[in-house]
Amino acid sequence: MTAIIDRVRRKHGEQRGHADHKMVSQPALRFIFITVLLDMLALGIIVPVLPRLIAGFLRGDVAKASLAIGVFVTAWALMQFIFSPLLGMLSDRYGRRPVILLSNLGMGIDYIVMALAPGLSWLFAGRLISGITSASMTTANAYVSDVTAPEDRSGAYGLMSSAFGVGLIAGPALGGWLGGWDHPRAPFWFAAICSLVNALYGFLVLPESLPPERRQRRLIWKMANPMGALKLLRSHPELLGLSGVTFVQNLAHEVYPTVFVLYAMNRYGWDQKMIGLALAVVGLSSIAISSLVGPAVKRLGEYPALFTGLLCGAFGFILFGWAASGFMFLLAIPLNSVWDLADPPVQTLMTKRVPASEQGKLQGAIGCLRSIAMLAGPGIFSATYAVFVSPGHAAPSAPWYLAAVMLAGAMLLAGVIMPKP
């Protein structure tokens, strides 16, 4: 990470071109890394306790609680879909720093609202605010694009992916531990502290990455919505194709949260402890691969790294479906995790097709694609599992094979748009 930051500092110092703009320092990029980590940690912390809190408000009615949880998940993804392009556009106009800091502050206040929520409606309002403020991920990615040279960008995005993975591993584990205290809302207070401390830390150390001369001159409100933001992706044939690769990848990834736990319990008889161990293997493998993204892209090139990641991901999914024992399933996880090589090169290739003044808009559009995948993926994979697990079909591995087919389709699309030598 230090080597990448050093290059970033040299590059940014060469390009800033005016005395007032601060050179991006090591603490600044460290803050962006910590921002992503704490955002994911805070989101993960409430995962184990939110369903229980919802059920408590509904007096233990499991059917109503299940429906409410589905509404909460959908509403959160919908807020991401709507507000990602708006925050991206605001960061192009006013800079990355104010958007990131205000989002962190908003997340902290939101978790306090959820910690104090007297009923389901207040909790739902807090979840809506959470969806809006956590859209700051798009601005964090735009910040990385501002301060990294193209040859280092994949490595930097790989580091962001590792922060994402660490947060998703540690968050639910910490949330489960905190939720075991006498105070059931302790995880919400802890998440609030994480976000507010992050906002204060950023206020003290985070310089602006987008100098005034590289910003949008005015706000174009017709672009501050999902449909307007997605128009940007049609501005270049390769950008449009890479957008398709991004969407399919995110759609395939939804097989994990949708099917993983049910599949492991039903096919291998795993308990919660074993499922937690398997998810830890997933996270640790993802972190290990993310740390290798920079060297891999430098050695292989962006498109070869993309193809390698997609191919290994597809074979990993096939092995998930084929594995006759839980041990074989665990062995397939590291292979599937090599898939993490694919996303940073895609992000890098997309940023090269967009000027500096529109990087926030680009990340907003990418955020929209991810949100659509989050809305559509669970329905696709849960329906597939429901159909093929029934006695008439008895093919519970179908969702894993479907995810493999999706990644194969992404490889095909990447092959079509890849520039010819």
Protein backbone atom coordinates (compact mmCIF):
# COMPACT_ATOMS: atom_id res chain seq x y z
CA MET A 1 0.00 0.00 0.00
CA THR A 2 2.84 2.43 0.87
CA ALA A 3 4.42 2.00 -2.58
CA ILE A 4 1.15 2.86 -4.30
CA ILE A 5 0.65 5.89 -2.05
CA ASP A 6 4.18 7.13 -2.80
CA ARG A 7 3.49 6.97 -6.53
CA VAL A 8 0.16 8.70 -5.98
CA ARG A 9 1.88 11.52 -4.14
CA ARG A 10 4.44 12.01 -6.92
CA LYS A 11 1.80 11.91 -9.62
CA HIS A 12 -0.53 14.27 -7.83
CA GLY A 13 2.29 16.67 -7.03
CA GLU A 14 3.19 16.82 -10.72
CA GLN A 15 -0.35 17.41 -11.91
CA ARG A 16 -1.85 19.79 -9.37
CA GLY A 17 -0.44 22.86 -11.16
CA HIS A 18 -1.29 25.45 -8.50
CA ALA A 19 0.08 26.42 -5.12
CA ASP A 20 -3.13 26.30 -3.08
CA HIS A 21 -4.07 22.72 -3.79
CA LYS A 22 -2.68 20.36 -1.14
CA MET A 23 -0.59 17.42 -2.20
CA VAL A 24 -2.42 14.21 -1.41
CA SER A 25 -0.58 12.66 1.51
CA GLN A 26 -0.32 9.19 2.90
CA PRO A 27 -2.85 10.00 5.69
CA ALA A 28 -5.37 11.06 3.01
CA LEU A 29 -5.35 7.76 1.14
CA ARG A 30 -5.24 5.93 4.44
CA PHE A 31 -8.42 7.78 5.35
CA ILE A 32 -10.17 6.64 2.16
CA PHE A 33 -9.14 3.06 2.96
CA ILE A 34 -10.43 3.44 6.53
CA THR A 35 -13.64 5.08 5.27
CA VAL A 36 -14.49 2.06 3.15
CA LEU A 37 -13.48 -0.28 5.97
CA LEU A 38 -15.58 1.49 8.61
CA ASP A 39 -18.57 1.88 6.26
CA MET A 40 -18.59 -1.86 5.62
CA LEU A 41 -17.89 -2.61 9.28
CA ALA A 42 -20.81 -0.43 10.38
CA LEU A 43 -23.13 -2.01 7.82
CA GLY A 44 -22.01 -5.51 8.82
CA ILE A 45 -22.34 -4.89 12.55
CA ILE A 46 -26.11 -4.51 12.35
CA VAL A 47 -26.68 -7.54 10.10
CA PRO A 48 -27.07 -10.09 12.95
CA VAL A 49 -29.27 -7.85 15.12
CA LEU A 50 -31.54 -6.02 12.65
CA PRO A 51 -33.82 -9.02 11.92
CA ARG A 52 -34.20 -9.69 15.65
CA LEU A 53 -35.05 -6.04 16.32
CA ILE A 54 -37.62 -6.04 13.51
CA ALA A 55 -39.18 -9.25 14.85
CA GLY A 56 -39.35 -7.68 18.31
CA PHE A 57 -41.34 -4.72 17.00
CA LEU A 58 -43.74 -7.21 15.35
CA ARG A 59 -44.16 -9.27 18.56
CA GLY A 60 -42.32 -12.25 17.16
CA ASP A 61 -44.54 -12.74 14.09
CA VAL A 62 -42.06 -14.58 11.81
CA ALA A 63 -44.11 -14.18 8.61
CA LYS A 64 -44.51 -10.43 9.04
CA ALA A 65 -40.87 -10.08 10.10
CA SER A 66 -39.68 -11.90 6.97
CA LEU A 67 -41.77 -9.61 4.78
CA ALA A 68 -40.50 -6.52 6.61
CA ILE A 69 -36.86 -7.60 6.22
CA GLY A 70 -37.42 -8.01 2.48
CA VAL A 71 -38.87 -4.50 2.30
CA PHE A 72 -35.93 -3.11 4.30
CA VAL A 73 -33.37 -4.74 1.98
CA THR A 74 -35.16 -3.56 -1.15
CA ALA A 75 -35.57 -0.02 0.15
CA TRP A 76 -31.88 0.21 1.05
CA ALA A 77 -30.82 -0.88 -2.44
CA LEU A 78 -33.36 1.50 -4.00
CA MET A 79 -31.88 4.45 -2.10
CA GLN A 80 -28.45 3.46 -3.41
CA PHE A 81 -29.87 3.36 -6.93
CA ILE A 82 -31.44 6.81 -6.67
CA PHE A 83 -28.77 8.70 -4.74
CA SER A 84 -25.48 7.27 -6.07
CA PRO A 85 -25.58 9.47 -9.21
CA LEU A 86 -26.60 12.55 -7.20
CA LEU A 87 -23.70 12.21 -4.76
CA GLY A 88 -21.33 11.47 -7.64
CA MET A 89 -22.44 14.61 -9.49
CA LEU A 90 -22.19 16.76 -6.34
CA SER A 91 -18.61 15.53 -5.83
CA ASP A 92 -17.77 16.51 -9.44
CA ARG A 93 -19.10 20.02 -8.78
CA TYR A 94 -18.04 20.76 -5.18
CA GLY A 95 -15.19 18.27 -4.64
CA ARG A 96 -14.88 14.85 -3.03
CA ARG A 97 -14.03 15.98 0.50
CA PRO A 98 -17.35 17.64 1.51
CA VAL A 99 -19.44 14.80 0.09
CA ILE A 100 -17.42 12.11 1.87
CA LEU A 101 -17.40 13.97 5.21
CA LEU A 102 -21.11 14.82 5.12
CA SER A 103 -21.93 11.22 4.22
CA ASN A 104 -19.90 9.91 7.16
CA LEU A 105 -21.61 12.40 9.47
CA GLY A 106 -25.01 11.42 8.07
CA MET A 107 -24.31 7.72 8.64
CA GLY A 108 -23.37 8.39 12.26
CA ILE A 109 -26.59 10.33 12.88
CA ASP A 110 -28.57 7.62 11.08
CA TYR A 111 -27.26 4.85 13.34
CA ILE A 112 -28.20 6.96 16.36
CA VAL A 113 -31.74 7.27 14.96
CA MET A 114 -31.91 3.48 14.60
CA ALA A 115 -30.48 2.96 18.09
CA LEU A 116 -33.25 5.16 19.54
CA ALA A 117 -36.05 4.03 17.19
CA PRO A 118 -39.24 3.50 19.23
CA GLY A 119 -41.00 1.59 16.47
CA LEU A 120 -40.72 -0.01 13.05
CA SER A 121 -41.43 3.20 11.10
CA TRP A 122 -38.49 4.99 12.74
CA LEU A 123 -36.25 2.01 12.08
CA PHE A 124 -37.35 2.00 8.44
CA ALA A 125 -36.62 5.74 8.13
CA GLY A 126 -33.16 5.10 9.52
CA ARG A 127 -32.58 2.36 6.97
CA LEU A 128 -33.56 4.72 4.15
CA ILE A 129 -31.05 7.30 5.40
CA SER A 130 -28.44 4.55 5.62
CA GLY A 131 -29.00 3.70 1.95
CA ILE A 132 -28.57 7.34 0.98
CA THR A 133 -25.46 8.08 3.02
CA SER A 134 -23.65 4.82 2.25
CA ALA A 135 -23.78 5.81 -1.42
CA SER A 136 -20.58 7.74 -0.49
CA MET A 137 -18.72 4.63 -1.69
CA THR A 138 -19.04 6.06 -5.20
CA THR A 139 -17.28 9.27 -4.12
CA ALA A 140 -14.52 7.31 -2.37
CA ASN A 141 -13.87 5.44 -5.64
CA ALA A 142 -13.81 8.75 -7.52
CA TYR A 143 -11.23 10.05 -5.00
CA VAL A 144 -9.02 7.04 -5.72
CA SER A 145 -9.30 7.75 -9.45
CA ASP A 146 -8.34 11.40 -8.91
CA VAL A 147 -5.08 10.61 -7.13
CA THR A 148 -3.75 7.49 -8.84
CA ALA A 149 -1.86 7.15 -12.08
CA PRO A 150 -3.59 4.81 -14.56
CA GLU A 151 -0.93 2.12 -14.13
CA ASP A 152 -1.49 2.06 -10.35
CA ARG A 153 -5.27 2.37 -10.33
CA SER A 154 -6.09 -1.35 -10.37
CA GLY A 155 -3.86 -1.90 -7.34
CA ALA A 156 -5.55 0.94 -5.49
CA TYR A 157 -9.01 -0.44 -6.28
CA GLY A 158 -7.76 -3.82 -5.11
CA LEU A 159 -6.88 -2.25 -1.76
CA MET A 160 -10.40 -0.80 -1.56
CA SER A 161 -11.76 -4.30 -2.22
CA SER A 162 -9.67 -5.67 0.64
CA ALA A 163 -11.11 -3.01 2.96
CA PHE A 164 -14.56 -4.05 1.78
CA GLY A 165 -13.75 -7.69 2.57
CA VAL A 166 -12.31 -7.02 6.02
CA GLY A 167 -15.37 -4.97 6.97
CA LEU A 168 -17.80 -7.62 5.80
CA ILE A 169 -15.95 -10.35 7.74
CA ALA A 170 -15.41 -8.48 10.99
CA GLY A 171 -18.71 -6.59 10.99
CA PRO A 172 -21.21 -9.45 11.46
CA ALA A 173 -18.89 -11.20 13.95
CA LEU A 174 -18.55 -8.03 16.02
CA GLY A 175 -22.28 -7.33 15.68
CA GLY A 176 -23.13 -10.81 16.94
CA TRP A 177 -20.84 -10.33 19.94
CA LEU A 178 -22.22 -6.88 20.74
CA GLY A 179 -25.78 -8.13 20.24
CA GLY A 180 -25.18 -10.70 22.97
CA TRP A 181 -24.88 -7.95 25.56
CA ASP A 182 -27.79 -7.00 27.79
CA HIS A 183 -28.36 -3.93 25.61
CA PRO A 184 -29.69 -5.24 22.24
CA ARG A 185 -29.03 -1.95 20.46
CA ALA A 186 -25.36 -1.75 21.38
CA PRO A 187 -24.31 -2.61 17.76
CA PHE A 188 -26.12 0.50 16.47
CA TRP A 189 -24.33 2.73 18.99
CA PHE A 190 -20.99 1.17 18.06
CA ALA A 191 -21.70 1.72 14.34
CA ALA A 192 -22.59 5.34 15.08
CA ILE A 193 -19.31 5.88 16.94
CA CYS A 194 -17.35 4.35 14.03
CA SER A 195 -18.96 6.72 11.52
CA LEU A 196 -18.69 9.87 13.65
CA VAL A 197 -15.06 9.21 14.56
CA ASN A 198 -14.37 8.62 10.86
CA ALA A 199 -15.97 11.98 9.99
CA LEU A 200 -13.86 13.78 12.61
CA TYR A 201 -10.68 12.03 11.48
CA GLY A 202 -11.40 12.98 7.87
CA PHE A 203 -12.10 16.59 8.81
CA LEU A 204 -8.61 16.76 10.30
CA VAL A 205 -6.55 14.90 7.67
CA LEU A 206 -8.42 14.60 4.37
CA PRO A 207 -7.32 17.04 1.63
CA GLU A 208 -9.42 17.69 -1.45
CA SER A 209 -8.45 15.53 -4.43
CA LEU A 210 -10.27 17.46 -7.18
CA PRO A 211 -8.86 20.97 -7.75
CA PRO A 212 -11.33 23.72 -8.78
CA GLU A 213 -10.16 23.87 -12.40
CA ARG A 214 -11.03 20.18 -12.91
CA ARG A 215 -14.56 20.41 -11.49
CA GLN A 216 -17.86 20.69 -13.31
CA ARG A 217 -18.77 24.33 -13.83
CA ARG A 218 -22.42 23.82 -12.95
CA LEU A 219 -24.87 21.18 -11.80
CA ILE A 220 -26.82 19.46 -14.56
CA TRP A 221 -29.89 18.29 -12.67
CA LYS A 222 -31.21 16.11 -15.48
CA MET A 223 -28.08 13.98 -14.99
CA ALA A 224 -28.62 13.71 -11.22
CA ASN A 225 -30.89 10.71 -11.56
CA PRO A 226 -30.22 7.07 -12.42
CA MET A 227 -31.37 7.32 -16.03
CA GLY A 228 -29.33 10.46 -16.65
CA ALA A 229 -26.22 8.96 -15.05
CA LEU A 230 -26.52 5.76 -17.06
CA LYS A 231 -26.42 7.80 -20.29
CA LEU A 232 -22.75 8.41 -19.59
CA LEU A 233 -22.09 4.70 -19.99
CA ARG A 234 -23.29 4.88 -23.59
CA SER A 235 -20.81 7.60 -24.52
CA HIS A 236 -18.12 5.13 -25.61
CA PRO A 237 -18.54 1.58 -27.02
CA GLU A 238 -15.88 0.07 -24.74
CA LEU A 239 -17.36 1.89 -21.73
CA LEU A 240 -20.79 0.45 -22.52
CA GLY A 241 -19.39 -3.06 -22.85
CA LEU A 242 -17.44 -2.78 -19.60
CA SER A 243 -20.65 -1.58 -17.93
CA GLY A 244 -22.28 -4.80 -19.04
CA VAL A 245 -19.39 -6.81 -17.56
CA THR A 246 -19.74 -4.88 -14.28
CA PHE A 247 -23.47 -5.47 -14.10
CA VAL A 248 -23.24 -9.20 -14.82
CA GLN A 249 -20.48 -9.61 -12.24
CA ASN A 250 -22.53 -7.89 -9.57
CA LEU A 251 -25.61 -9.90 -10.52
CA ALA A 252 -23.68 -13.18 -10.20
CA HIS A 253 -22.28 -12.08 -6.83
CA GLU A 254 -25.81 -11.96 -5.38
CA VAL A 255 -25.80 -15.78 -5.31
CA TYR A 256 -23.66 -15.54 -2.17
CA PRO A 257 -26.03 -13.65 0.17
CA THR A 258 -29.08 -15.32 -1.35
CA VAL A 259 -28.16 -19.01 -1.45
CA PHE A 260 -24.96 -19.67 0.49
CA VAL A 261 -26.40 -20.26 3.98
CA LEU A 262 -29.49 -22.24 2.92
CA TYR A 263 -27.48 -24.39 0.52
CA ALA A 264 -24.78 -25.23 3.08
CA MET A 265 -27.35 -26.07 5.77
CA ASN A 266 -29.49 -28.24 3.51
CA ARG A 267 -26.79 -30.08 1.55
CA TYR A 268 -24.00 -30.43 4.11
CA GLY A 269 -25.88 -30.09 7.39
CA TRP A 270 -23.69 -27.21 8.53
CA ASP A 271 -24.53 -25.36 11.74
CA GLN A 272 -24.05 -21.63 12.39
CA LYS A 273 -20.49 -22.16 13.60
CA MET A 274 -19.48 -24.00 10.43
CA ILE A 275 -21.20 -21.42 8.23
CA GLY A 276 -19.32 -18.67 10.05
CA LEU A 277 -16.04 -20.52 9.44
CA ALA A 278 -16.82 -20.89 5.73
CA LEU A 279 -17.68 -17.19 5.41
CA ALA A 280 -14.41 -16.36 7.16
CA VAL A 281 -12.58 -18.45 4.55
CA VAL A 282 -14.43 -16.50 1.84
CA GLY A 283 -13.41 -13.19 3.35
CA LEU A 284 -9.79 -14.11 4.02
CA SER A 285 -9.38 -15.53 0.51
CA SER A 286 -10.87 -12.35 -0.94
CA ILE A 287 -8.48 -10.18 1.07
CA ALA A 288 -5.49 -12.25 -0.03
CA ILE A 289 -6.43 -11.99 -3.71
CA SER A 290 -7.21 -8.26 -3.44
CA SER A 291 -3.67 -7.62 -2.19
CA LEU A 292 -2.31 -9.29 -5.35
CA VAL A 293 -4.39 -7.27 -7.82
CA GLY A 294 -1.77 -4.57 -8.44
CA PRO A 295 1.14 -6.95 -9.18
CA ALA A 296 -1.12 -9.22 -11.26
CA VAL A 297 -2.36 -6.38 -13.46
CA LYS A 298 1.16 -5.04 -13.95
CA ARG A 299 2.39 -8.49 -14.97
CA LEU A 300 -0.57 -9.68 -17.05
CA GLY A 301 -2.25 -6.48 -18.23
CA GLU A 302 -5.79 -5.33 -17.53
CA TYR A 303 -7.76 -7.52 -19.91
CA PRO A 304 -5.80 -10.74 -19.19
CA ALA A 305 -6.27 -10.14 -15.44
CA LEU A 306 -9.98 -9.61 -16.06
CA PHE A 307 -10.29 -12.86 -18.02
CA THR A 308 -8.28 -14.78 -15.40
CA GLY A 309 -10.55 -13.55 -12.62
CA LEU A 310 -13.77 -14.34 -14.48
CA LEU A 311 -12.54 -17.80 -15.53
CA CYS A 312 -11.51 -18.77 -11.99
CA GLY A 313 -14.75 -17.40 -10.61
CA ALA A 314 -16.80 -19.47 -13.05
CA PHE A 315 -14.85 -22.67 -12.32
CA GLY A 316 -15.20 -21.98 -8.59
CA PHE A 317 -18.98 -21.78 -8.92
CA ILE A 318 -19.01 -25.03 -10.91
CA LEU A 319 -17.00 -26.70 -8.14
CA PHE A 320 -19.43 -25.36 -5.53
CA GLY A 321 -22.26 -27.11 -7.33
CA TRP A 322 -20.25 -30.29 -7.94
CA ALA A 323 -18.80 -30.66 -4.42
CA ALA A 324 -20.28 -33.75 -2.78
CA SER A 325 -18.94 -32.87 0.66
CA GLY A 326 -18.52 -29.76 2.74
CA PHE A 327 -14.75 -30.23 2.69
CA MET A 328 -14.69 -30.11 -1.13
CA PHE A 329 -16.89 -27.02 -1.00
CA LEU A 330 -14.39 -25.28 1.29
CA LEU A 331 -11.51 -26.19 -1.04
CA ALA A 332 -13.31 -24.49 -3.93
CA ILE A 333 -13.59 -21.15 -2.10
CA PRO A 334 -10.00 -19.92 -2.78
CA LEU A 335 -10.37 -20.69 -6.49
CA ASN A 336 -13.65 -18.80 -6.67
CA SER A 337 -12.03 -15.89 -4.80
CA VAL A 338 -9.53 -15.37 -7.64
CA TRP A 339 -12.57 -13.76 -9.26
CA ASP A 340 -11.60 -10.67 -7.23
CA LEU A 341 -8.90 -10.05 -9.84
CA ALA A 342 -11.61 -9.03 -12.31
CA ASP A 343 -13.34 -5.98 -10.86
CA PRO A 344 -10.40 -3.55 -10.29
CA PRO A 345 -9.20 -3.78 -13.94
CA VAL A 346 -12.77 -3.14 -15.13
CA GLN A 347 -12.98 -0.05 -12.91
CA THR A 348 -9.60 1.15 -14.17
CA LEU A 349 -10.51 0.66 -17.82
CA MET A 350 -13.76 2.58 -17.31
CA THR A 351 -12.05 5.52 -15.58
CA LYS A 352 -9.69 5.88 -18.57
CA ARG A 353 -12.67 6.59 -20.83
CA VAL A 354 -14.00 9.50 -18.73
CA PRO A 355 -12.45 12.94 -18.02
CA ALA A 356 -11.44 13.92 -14.48
CA SER A 357 -14.44 16.25 -14.14
CA GLU A 358 -16.87 13.32 -14.61
CA GLN A 359 -15.27 10.62 -12.45
CA GLY A 360 -17.92 11.13 -9.76
CA LYS A 361 -20.68 10.80 -12.33
CA LEU A 362 -19.07 7.60 -13.62
CA GLN A 363 -18.89 6.10 -10.14
CA GLY A 364 -22.51 7.12 -9.57
CA ALA A 365 -23.52 5.26 -12.72
CA ILE A 366 -21.54 2.20 -11.59
CA GLY A 367 -23.32 2.45 -8.25
CA CYS A 368 -26.64 2.38 -10.11
CA LEU A 369 -25.63 -0.83 -11.89
CA ARG A 370 -24.70 -2.44 -8.57
CA SER A 371 -28.01 -1.38 -7.04
CA ILE A 372 -29.99 -2.87 -9.93
CA ALA A 373 -28.06 -6.12 -9.44
CA MET A 374 -28.85 -6.03 -5.70
CA LEU A 375 -32.54 -5.58 -6.50
CA ALA A 376 -32.75 -8.25 -9.21
CA GLY A 377 -30.21 -10.86 -8.07
CA PRO A 378 -31.92 -12.17 -4.90
CA GLY A 379 -35.17 -12.79 -6.78
CA ILE A 380 -33.40 -14.62 -9.63
CA PHE A 381 -31.31 -16.88 -7.40
CA SER A 382 -33.94 -17.54 -4.75
CA ALA A 383 -36.47 -18.51 -7.44
CA THR A 384 -33.90 -20.76 -9.14
CA TYR A 385 -33.10 -22.47 -5.85
CA ALA A 386 -36.78 -22.88 -4.96
CA VAL A 387 -37.56 -24.52 -8.31
CA PHE A 388 -34.57 -26.88 -8.49
CA VAL A 389 -34.57 -27.94 -4.84
CA SER A 390 -38.14 -29.27 -5.16
CA PRO A 391 -38.60 -33.09 -5.28
CA GLY A 392 -39.48 -33.05 -8.97
CA HIS A 393 -36.09 -31.55 -9.92
CA ALA A 394 -33.75 -32.26 -6.99
CA ALA A 395 -30.91 -30.13 -8.41
CA PRO A 396 -30.05 -27.74 -5.56
CA SER A 397 -26.73 -26.77 -7.22
CA ALA A 398 -28.55 -24.92 -10.03
CA PRO A 399 -27.92 -21.39 -8.62
CA TRP A 400 -24.15 -21.98 -8.58
CA TYR A 401 -24.22 -23.20 -12.18
CA LEU A 402 -26.33 -20.19 -13.16
CA ALA A 403 -23.74 -17.85 -11.60
CA ALA A 404 -21.01 -19.67 -13.56
CA VAL A 405 -22.96 -19.15 -16.80
CA MET A 406 -23.26 -15.44 -15.97
CA LEU A 407 -19.50 -15.11 -15.56
CA ALA A 408 -18.95 -17.00 -18.81
CA GLY A 409 -21.26 -14.46 -20.46
CA ALA A 410 -19.22 -11.63 -18.94
CA MET A 411 -16.05 -13.20 -20.42
CA LEU A 412 -17.69 -13.33 -23.84
CA LEU A 413 -18.72 -9.69 -23.61
CA ALA A 414 -15.23 -8.65 -22.49
CA GLY A 415 -13.76 -10.56 -25.45
CA VAL A 416 -16.02 -8.70 -27.89
CA ILE A 417 -15.06 -5.23 -26.64
CA MET A 418 -11.35 -5.92 -26.04
CA PRO A 419 -9.24 -3.72 -28.37
CA LYS A 420 -7.59 -5.77 -31.09
CA PRO A 421 -3.74 -5.77 -31.06
